[in-house]
Amino acid sequence: MRYLREMIRLLFSGQPSAKGVSSFQAFSIAGRAGTGNIAGVATAIAMGGPGAVFWIWTIAFLGSASAFIEATLGQIYKV
């Protein structure tokens, strides 16, 4: 609570960091991805029933495998 005013100031300052991403851009991306994942899973289970959990886990396994391979290849072939 002590730094709430500072957080809001930095969030809307619009100044990009050294890597080129502003605070607001990082906040927007994180909010969209997190909320979308939670709402997507809840909607899939509500519409598809318990069987949707199997497909969620299957796709999660394939997605994590591809993320691991991508990160590994990125470390091997980085310049």
PDB file of N, CA and C in Angstrom:
ATOM      1  N   MET A   1       0.817  -1.195   0.000  1.00  0.00           N
ATOM      2  CA  MET A   1       0.000   0.000   0.000  1.00  0.00           C
ATOM      3  C   MET A   1       0.863   1.263   0.000  1.00  0.00           C
ATOM      4  N   ARG A   2       2.077   1.142   0.542  1.00  0.00           N
ATOM      5  CA  ARG A   2       2.930   2.322   0.640  1.00  0.00           C
ATOM      6  C   ARG A   2       3.343   2.837  -0.732  1.00  0.00           C
ATOM      7  N   TYR A   3       3.531   1.941  -1.682  1.00  0.00           N
ATOM      8  CA  TYR A   3       4.038   2.333  -2.988  1.00  0.00           C
ATOM      9  C   TYR A   3       2.974   2.315  -4.078  1.00  0.00           C
ATOM     10  N   LEU A   4       1.704   2.377  -3.700  1.00  0.00           N
ATOM     11  CA  LEU A   4       0.622   2.348  -4.676  1.00  0.00           C
ATOM     12  C   LEU A   4       0.693   3.543  -5.621  1.00  0.00           C
ATOM     13  N   ARG A   5       0.936   4.711  -5.097  1.00  0.00           N
ATOM     14  CA  ARG A   5       1.035   5.914  -5.931  1.00  0.00           C
ATOM     15  C   ARG A   5       2.216   5.804  -6.898  1.00  0.00           C
ATOM     16  N   GLU A   6       3.336   5.296  -6.428  1.00  0.00           N
ATOM     17  CA  GLU A   6       4.518   5.120  -7.285  1.00  0.00           C
ATOM     18  C   GLU A   6       4.243   4.091  -8.376  1.00  0.00           C
ATOM     19  N   MET A   7       3.537   3.020  -8.031  1.00  0.00           N
ATOM     20  CA  MET A   7       3.202   1.994  -9.019  1.00  0.00           C
ATOM     21  C   MET A   7       2.345   2.575 -10.137  1.00  0.00           C
ATOM     22  N   ILE A   8       1.351   3.361  -9.786  1.00  0.00           N
ATOM     23  CA  ILE A   8       0.480   3.961 -10.797  1.00  0.00           C
ATOM     24  C   ILE A   8       1.249   4.962 -11.649  1.00  0.00           C
ATOM     25  N   ARG A   9       2.135   5.719 -11.030  1.00  0.00           N
ATOM     26  CA  ARG A   9       2.950   6.667 -11.798  1.00  0.00           C
ATOM     27  C   ARG A   9       3.822   5.951 -12.820  1.00  0.00           C
ATOM     28  N   LEU A  10       4.473   4.869 -12.401  1.00  0.00           N
ATOM     29  CA  LEU A  10       5.325   4.118 -13.319  1.00  0.00           C
ATOM     30  C   LEU A  10       4.517   3.403 -14.386  1.00  0.00           C
ATOM     31  N   LEU A  11       3.334   2.932 -14.020  1.00  0.00           N
ATOM     32  CA  LEU A  11       2.498   2.200 -14.965  1.00  0.00           C
ATOM     33  C   LEU A  11       2.084   3.063 -16.145  1.00  0.00           C
ATOM     34  N   PHE A  12       1.752   4.321 -15.874  1.00  0.00           N
ATOM     35  CA  PHE A  12       1.262   5.198 -16.926  1.00  0.00           C
ATOM     36  C   PHE A  12       2.284   6.219 -17.400  1.00  0.00           C
ATOM     37  N   SER A  13       3.556   6.042 -17.044  1.00  0.00           N
ATOM     38  CA  SER A  13       4.566   7.007 -17.487  1.00  0.00           C
ATOM     39  C   SER A  13       4.871   6.851 -18.968  1.00  0.00           C
ATOM     40  N   GLY A  14       4.734   5.645 -19.512  1.00  0.00           N
ATOM     41  CA  GLY A  14       4.956   5.432 -20.934  1.00  0.00           C
ATOM     42  C   GLY A  14       6.410   5.329 -21.335  1.00  0.00           C
ATOM     43  N   GLN A  15       7.306   5.344 -20.399  1.00  0.00           N
ATOM     44  CA  GLN A  15       8.727   5.248 -20.705  1.00  0.00           C
ATOM     45  C   GLN A  15       9.126   3.777 -20.849  1.00  0.00           C
ATOM     46  N   PRO A  16       9.666   3.391 -22.000  1.00  0.00           N
ATOM     47  CA  PRO A  16      10.085   1.988 -22.149  1.00  0.00           C
ATOM     48  C   PRO A  16      11.336   1.691 -21.336  1.00  0.00           C
ATOM     49  N   SER A  17      11.497   0.434 -20.997  1.00  0.00           N
ATOM     50  CA  SER A  17      12.696   0.017 -20.276  1.00  0.00           C
ATOM     51  C   SER A  17      13.841  -0.129 -21.259  1.00  0.00           C
ATOM     52  N   ALA A  18      14.973  -0.576 -20.776  1.00  0.00           N
ATOM     53  CA  ALA A  18      16.144  -0.774 -21.641  1.00  0.00           C
ATOM     54  C   ALA A  18      15.862  -1.838 -22.705  1.00  0.00           C
ATOM     55  N   LYS A  19      14.927  -2.743 -22.436  1.00  0.00           N
ATOM     56  CA  LYS A  19      14.595  -3.797 -23.392  1.00  0.00           C
ATOM     57  C   LYS A  19      13.491  -3.378 -24.353  1.00  0.00           C
ATOM     58  N   GLY A  20      12.909  -2.187 -24.174  1.00  0.00           N
ATOM     59  CA  GLY A  20      11.940  -1.669 -25.117  1.00  0.00           C
ATOM     60  C   GLY A  20      10.483  -1.926 -24.768  1.00  0.00           C
ATOM     61  N   VAL A  21      10.181  -2.403 -23.568  1.00  0.00           N
ATOM     62  CA  VAL A  21       8.805  -2.662 -23.164  1.00  0.00           C
ATOM     63  C   VAL A  21       8.449  -1.716 -22.029  1.00  0.00           C
ATOM     64  N   SER A  22       7.367  -0.969 -22.208  1.00  0.00           N
ATOM     65  CA  SER A  22       6.945  -0.057 -21.140  1.00  0.00           C
ATOM     66  C   SER A  22       6.242  -0.843 -20.042  1.00  0.00           C
ATOM     67  N   SER A  23       6.048  -0.213 -18.912  1.00  0.00           N
ATOM     68  CA  SER A  23       5.366  -0.854 -17.788  1.00  0.00           C
ATOM     69  C   SER A  23       3.931  -1.200 -18.155  1.00  0.00           C
ATOM     70  N   PHE A  24       3.264  -0.306 -18.882  1.00  0.00           N
ATOM     71  CA  PHE A  24       1.876  -0.559 -19.263  1.00  0.00           C
ATOM     72  C   PHE A  24       1.776  -1.727 -20.235  1.00  0.00           C
ATOM     73  N   GLN A  25       2.714  -1.853 -21.169  1.00  0.00           N
ATOM     74  CA  GLN A  25       2.698  -2.977 -22.096  1.00  0.00           C
ATOM     75  C   GLN A  25       2.883  -4.293 -21.354  1.00  0.00           C
ATOM     76  N   ALA A  26       3.803  -4.335 -20.413  1.00  0.00           N
ATOM     77  CA  ALA A  26       4.022  -5.560 -19.641  1.00  0.00           C
ATOM     78  C   ALA A  26       2.788  -5.901 -18.814  1.00  0.00           C
ATOM     79  N   PHE A  27       2.160  -4.890 -18.225  1.00  0.00           N
ATOM     80  CA  PHE A  27       0.944  -5.102 -17.435  1.00  0.00           C
ATOM     81  C   PHE A  27      -0.193  -5.623 -18.310  1.00  0.00           C
ATOM     82  N   SER A  28      -0.339  -5.072 -19.503  1.00  0.00           N
ATOM     83  CA  SER A  28      -1.408  -5.492 -20.406  1.00  0.00           C
ATOM     84  C   SER A  28      -1.224  -6.924 -20.875  1.00  0.00           C
ATOM     85  N   ILE A  29      -0.015  -7.280 -21.217  1.00  0.00           N
ATOM     86  CA  ILE A  29       0.259  -8.642 -21.683  1.00  0.00           C
ATOM     87  C   ILE A  29       0.039  -9.645 -20.554  1.00  0.00           C
ATOM     88  N   ALA A  30       0.530  -9.340 -19.373  1.00  0.00           N
ATOM     89  CA  ALA A  30       0.380 -10.266 -18.245  1.00  0.00           C
ATOM     90  C   ALA A  30      -1.083 -10.421 -17.845  1.00  0.00           C
ATOM     91  N   GLY A  31      -1.824  -9.338 -17.845  1.00  0.00           N
ATOM     92  CA  GLY A  31      -3.232  -9.408 -17.487  1.00  0.00           C
ATOM     93  C   GLY A  31      -4.045 -10.203 -18.491  1.00  0.00           C
ATOM     94  N   ARG A  32      -3.738 -10.040 -19.756  1.00  0.00           N
ATOM     95  CA  ARG A  32      -4.471 -10.740 -20.800  1.00  0.00           C
ATOM     96  C   ARG A  32      -4.186 -12.230 -20.763  1.00  0.00           C
ATOM     97  N   ALA A  33      -2.940 -12.608 -20.629  1.00  0.00           N
ATOM     98  CA  ALA A  33      -2.589 -14.029 -20.649  1.00  0.00           C
ATOM     99  C   ALA A  33      -3.122 -14.752 -19.416  1.00  0.00           C
ATOM    100  N   GLY A  34      -2.973 -14.162 -18.238  1.00  0.00           N
ATOM    101  CA  GLY A  34      -3.432 -14.815 -17.019  1.00  0.00           C
ATOM    102  C   GLY A  34      -4.939 -14.969 -16.962  1.00  0.00           C
ATOM    103  N   THR A  35      -5.654 -13.893 -17.263  1.00  0.00           N
ATOM    104  CA  THR A  35      -7.112 -13.930 -17.222  1.00  0.00           C
ATOM    105  C   THR A  35      -7.665 -14.850 -18.296  1.00  0.00           C
ATOM    106  N   GLY A  36      -7.069 -14.817 -19.464  1.00  0.00           N
ATOM    107  CA  GLY A  36      -7.527 -15.676 -20.556  1.00  0.00           C
ATOM    108  C   GLY A  36      -7.356 -17.153 -20.239  1.00  0.00           C
ATOM    109  N   ASN A  37      -6.269 -17.498 -19.596  1.00  0.00           N
ATOM    110  CA  ASN A  37      -6.051 -18.899 -19.242  1.00  0.00           C
ATOM    111  C   ASN A  37      -7.067 -19.372 -18.211  1.00  0.00           C
ATOM    112  N   ILE A  38      -7.341 -18.564 -17.216  1.00  0.00           N
ATOM    113  CA  ILE A  38      -8.286 -18.961 -16.172  1.00  0.00           C
ATOM    114  C   ILE A  38      -9.701 -19.039 -16.733  1.00  0.00           C
ATOM    115  N   ALA A  39     -10.111 -18.012 -17.466  1.00  0.00           N
ATOM    116  CA  ALA A  39     -11.461 -17.988 -18.028  1.00  0.00           C
ATOM    117  C   ALA A  39     -11.631 -19.071 -19.094  1.00  0.00           C
ATOM    118  N   GLY A  40     -10.583 -19.335 -19.865  1.00  0.00           N
ATOM    119  CA  GLY A  40     -10.664 -20.364 -20.908  1.00  0.00           C
ATOM    120  C   GLY A  40     -10.866 -21.748 -20.334  1.00  0.00           C
ATOM    121  N   VAL A  41     -10.145 -22.073 -19.292  1.00  0.00           N
ATOM    122  CA  VAL A  41     -10.290 -23.383 -18.649  1.00  0.00           C
ATOM    123  C   VAL A  41     -11.663 -23.508 -18.015  1.00  0.00           C
ATOM    124  N   ALA A  42     -12.110 -22.474 -17.323  1.00  0.00           N
ATOM    125  CA  ALA A  42     -13.430 -22.518 -16.686  1.00  0.00           C
ATOM    126  C   ALA A  42     -14.535 -22.673 -17.724  1.00  0.00           C
ATOM    127  N   THR A  43     -14.422 -21.955 -18.831  1.00  0.00           N
ATOM    128  CA  THR A  43     -15.428 -22.056 -19.884  1.00  0.00           C
ATOM    129  C   THR A  43     -15.415 -23.433 -20.528  1.00  0.00           C
ATOM    130  N   ALA A  44     -14.226 -23.984 -20.786  1.00  0.00           N
ATOM    131  CA  ALA A  44     -14.135 -25.313 -21.400  1.00  0.00           C
ATOM    132  C   ALA A  44     -14.749 -26.378 -20.507  1.00  0.00           C
ATOM    133  N   ILE A  45     -14.491 -26.318 -19.221  1.00  0.00           N
ATOM    134  CA  ILE A  45     -15.058 -27.317 -18.301  1.00  0.00           C
ATOM    135  C   ILE A  45     -16.567 -27.125 -18.183  1.00  0.00           C
ATOM    136  N   ALA A  46     -17.025 -25.883 -18.154  1.00  0.00           N
ATOM    137  CA  ALA A  46     -18.463 -25.627 -18.047  1.00  0.00           C
ATOM    138  C   ALA A  46     -19.203 -26.098 -19.291  1.00  0.00           C
ATOM    139  N   MET A  47     -18.613 -25.912 -20.462  1.00  0.00           N
ATOM    140  CA  MET A  47     -19.295 -26.293 -21.697  1.00  0.00           C
ATOM    141  C   MET A  47     -19.057 -27.744 -22.075  1.00  0.00           C
ATOM    142  N   GLY A  48     -17.852 -28.248 -21.818  1.00  0.00           N
ATOM    143  CA  GLY A  48     -17.501 -29.593 -22.270  1.00  0.00           C
ATOM    144  C   GLY A  48     -17.591 -30.657 -21.205  1.00  0.00           C
ATOM    145  N   GLY A  49     -17.742 -30.265 -19.969  1.00  0.00           N
ATOM    146  CA  GLY A  49     -17.832 -31.239 -18.898  1.00  0.00           C
ATOM    147  C   GLY A  49     -16.461 -31.762 -18.508  1.00  0.00           C
ATOM    148  N   PRO A  50     -16.436 -32.818 -17.708  1.00  0.00           N
ATOM    149  CA  PRO A  50     -15.165 -33.350 -17.210  1.00  0.00           C
ATOM    150  C   PRO A  50     -14.247 -33.877 -18.313  1.00  0.00           C
ATOM    151  N   GLY A  51     -14.811 -34.277 -19.443  1.00  0.00           N
ATOM    152  CA  GLY A  51     -13.986 -34.768 -20.542  1.00  0.00           C
ATOM    153  C   GLY A  51     -13.071 -33.699 -21.109  1.00  0.00           C
ATOM    154  N   ALA A  52     -13.435 -32.440 -20.924  1.00  0.00           N
ATOM    155  CA  ALA A  52     -12.594 -31.351 -21.419  1.00  0.00           C
ATOM    156  C   ALA A  52     -11.268 -31.295 -20.677  1.00  0.00           C
ATOM    157  N   VAL A  53     -11.250 -31.763 -19.436  1.00  0.00           N
ATOM    158  CA  VAL A  53     -10.008 -31.742 -18.650  1.00  0.00           C
ATOM    159  C   VAL A  53      -8.951 -32.620 -19.313  1.00  0.00           C
ATOM    160  N   PHE A  54      -9.361 -33.761 -19.861  1.00  0.00           N
ATOM    161  CA  PHE A  54      -8.411 -34.633 -20.566  1.00  0.00           C
ATOM    162  C   PHE A  54      -7.743 -33.891 -21.718  1.00  0.00           C
ATOM    163  N   TRP A  55      -8.533 -33.186 -22.517  1.00  0.00           N
ATOM    164  CA  TRP A  55      -7.967 -32.475 -23.659  1.00  0.00           C
ATOM    165  C   TRP A  55      -7.140 -31.277 -23.216  1.00  0.00           C
ATOM    166  N   ILE A  56      -7.520 -30.641 -22.126  1.00  0.00           N
ATOM    167  CA  ILE A  56      -6.714 -29.545 -21.594  1.00  0.00           C
ATOM    168  C   ILE A  56      -5.345 -30.065 -21.172  1.00  0.00           C
ATOM    169  N   TRP A  57      -5.324 -31.191 -20.472  1.00  0.00           N
ATOM    170  CA  TRP A  57      -4.044 -31.773 -20.054  1.00  0.00           C
ATOM    171  C   TRP A  57      -3.223 -32.229 -21.250  1.00  0.00           C
ATOM    172  N   THR A  58      -3.868 -32.794 -22.261  1.00  0.00           N
ATOM    173  CA  THR A  58      -3.151 -33.247 -23.456  1.00  0.00           C
ATOM    174  C   THR A  58      -2.487 -32.070 -24.162  1.00  0.00           C
ATOM    175  N   ILE A  59      -3.234 -31.009 -24.372  1.00  0.00           N
ATOM    176  CA  ILE A  59      -2.671 -29.836 -25.037  1.00  0.00           C
ATOM    177  C   ILE A  59      -1.611 -29.166 -24.169  1.00  0.00           C
ATOM    178  N   ALA A  60      -1.815 -29.171 -22.854  1.00  0.00           N
ATOM    179  CA  ALA A  60      -0.809 -28.596 -21.952  1.00  0.00           C
ATOM    180  C   ALA A  60       0.497 -29.381 -22.033  1.00  0.00           C
ATOM    181  N   PHE A  61       0.412 -30.699 -22.115  1.00  0.00           N
ATOM    182  CA  PHE A  61       1.615 -31.519 -22.235  1.00  0.00           C
ATOM    183  C   PHE A  61       2.347 -31.218 -23.537  1.00  0.00           C
ATOM    184  N   LEU A  62       1.610 -31.138 -24.647  1.00  0.00           N
ATOM    185  CA  LEU A  62       2.248 -30.828 -25.930  1.00  0.00           C
ATOM    186  C   LEU A  62       2.818 -29.410 -25.936  1.00  0.00           C
ATOM    187  N   GLY A  63       2.100 -28.476 -25.340  1.00  0.00           N
ATOM    188  CA  GLY A  63       2.588 -27.097 -25.276  1.00  0.00           C
ATOM    189  C   GLY A  63       3.832 -26.959 -24.430  1.00  0.00           C
ATOM    190  N   SER A  64       3.878 -27.659 -23.293  1.00  0.00           N
ATOM    191  CA  SER A  64       5.069 -27.579 -22.447  1.00  0.00           C
ATOM    192  C   SER A  64       6.256 -28.261 -23.107  1.00  0.00           C
ATOM    193  N   ALA A  65       5.993 -29.330 -23.849  1.00  0.00           N
ATOM    194  CA  ALA A  65       7.082 -30.004 -24.563  1.00  0.00           C
ATOM    195  C   ALA A  65       7.655 -29.095 -25.646  1.00  0.00           C
ATOM    196  N   SER A  66       6.784 -28.422 -26.395  1.00  0.00           N
ATOM    197  CA  SER A  66       7.286 -27.525 -27.436  1.00  0.00           C
ATOM    198  C   SER A  66       7.993 -26.308 -26.823  1.00  0.00           C
ATOM    199  N   ALA A  67       7.517 -25.811 -25.675  1.00  0.00           N
ATOM    200  CA  ALA A  67       8.195 -24.697 -25.010  1.00  0.00           C
ATOM    201  C   ALA A  67       9.578 -25.117 -24.519  1.00  0.00           C
ATOM    202  N   PHE A  68       9.689 -26.337 -23.990  1.00  0.00           N
ATOM    203  CA  PHE A  68      10.984 -26.837 -23.534  1.00  0.00           C
ATOM    204  C   PHE A  68      11.955 -26.968 -24.705  1.00  0.00           C
ATOM    205  N   ILE A  69      11.485 -27.513 -25.815  1.00  0.00           N
ATOM    206  CA  ILE A  69      12.347 -27.674 -26.989  1.00  0.00           C
ATOM    207  C   ILE A  69      12.758 -26.313 -27.534  1.00  0.00           C
ATOM    208  N   GLU A  70      11.814 -25.370 -27.588  1.00  0.00           N
ATOM    209  CA  GLU A  70      12.127 -24.033 -28.080  1.00  0.00           C
ATOM    210  C   GLU A  70      13.169 -23.346 -27.200  1.00  0.00           C
ATOM    211  N   ALA A  71      13.032 -23.464 -25.878  1.00  0.00           N
ATOM    212  CA  ALA A  71      13.991 -22.854 -24.977  1.00  0.00           C
ATOM    213  C   ALA A  71      15.363 -23.516 -25.089  1.00  0.00           C
ATOM    214  N   THR A  72      15.372 -24.832 -25.240  1.00  0.00           N
ATOM    215  CA  THR A  72      16.639 -25.548 -25.389  1.00  0.00           C
ATOM    216  C   THR A  72      17.352 -25.152 -26.671  1.00  0.00           C
ATOM    217  N   LEU A  73      16.619 -25.121 -27.779  1.00  0.00           N
ATOM    218  CA  LEU A  73      17.233 -24.724 -29.055  1.00  0.00           C
ATOM    219  C   LEU A  73      17.674 -23.269 -29.020  1.00  0.00           C
ATOM    220  N   GLY A  74      16.928 -22.427 -28.316  1.00  0.00           N
ATOM    221  CA  GLY A  74      17.328 -21.023 -28.176  1.00  0.00           C
ATOM    222  C   GLY A  74      18.644 -20.876 -27.433  1.00  0.00           C
ATOM    223  N   GLN A  75      18.876 -21.726 -26.438  1.00  0.00           N
ATOM    224  CA  GLN A  75      20.146 -21.674 -25.705  1.00  0.00           C
ATOM    225  C   GLN A  75      21.290 -22.261 -26.521  1.00  0.00           C
ATOM    226  N   ILE A  76      20.996 -23.289 -27.314  1.00  0.00           N
ATOM    227  CA  ILE A  76      22.056 -23.918 -28.100  1.00  0.00           C
ATOM    228  C   ILE A  76      22.511 -23.001 -29.228  1.00  0.00           C
ATOM    229  N   TYR A  77      21.571 -22.367 -29.922  1.00  0.00           N
ATOM    230  CA  TYR A  77      21.885 -21.599 -31.117  1.00  0.00           C
ATOM    231  C   TYR A  77      21.881 -20.096 -30.910  1.00  0.00           C
ATOM    232  N   LYS A  78      21.957 -19.626 -29.656  1.00  0.00           N
ATOM    233  CA  LYS A  78      21.964 -18.172 -29.445  1.00  0.00           C
ATOM    234  C   LYS A  78      23.277 -17.564 -29.920  1.00  0.00           C
ATOM    235  N   VAL A  79      23.191 -16.330 -30.346  1.00  0.00           N
ATOM    236  CA  VAL A  79      24.353 -15.641 -30.877  1.00  0.00           C
ATOM    237  C   VAL A  79      24.771 -14.566 -29.911  1.00  0.00           C
TER     238      VAL A  79
END
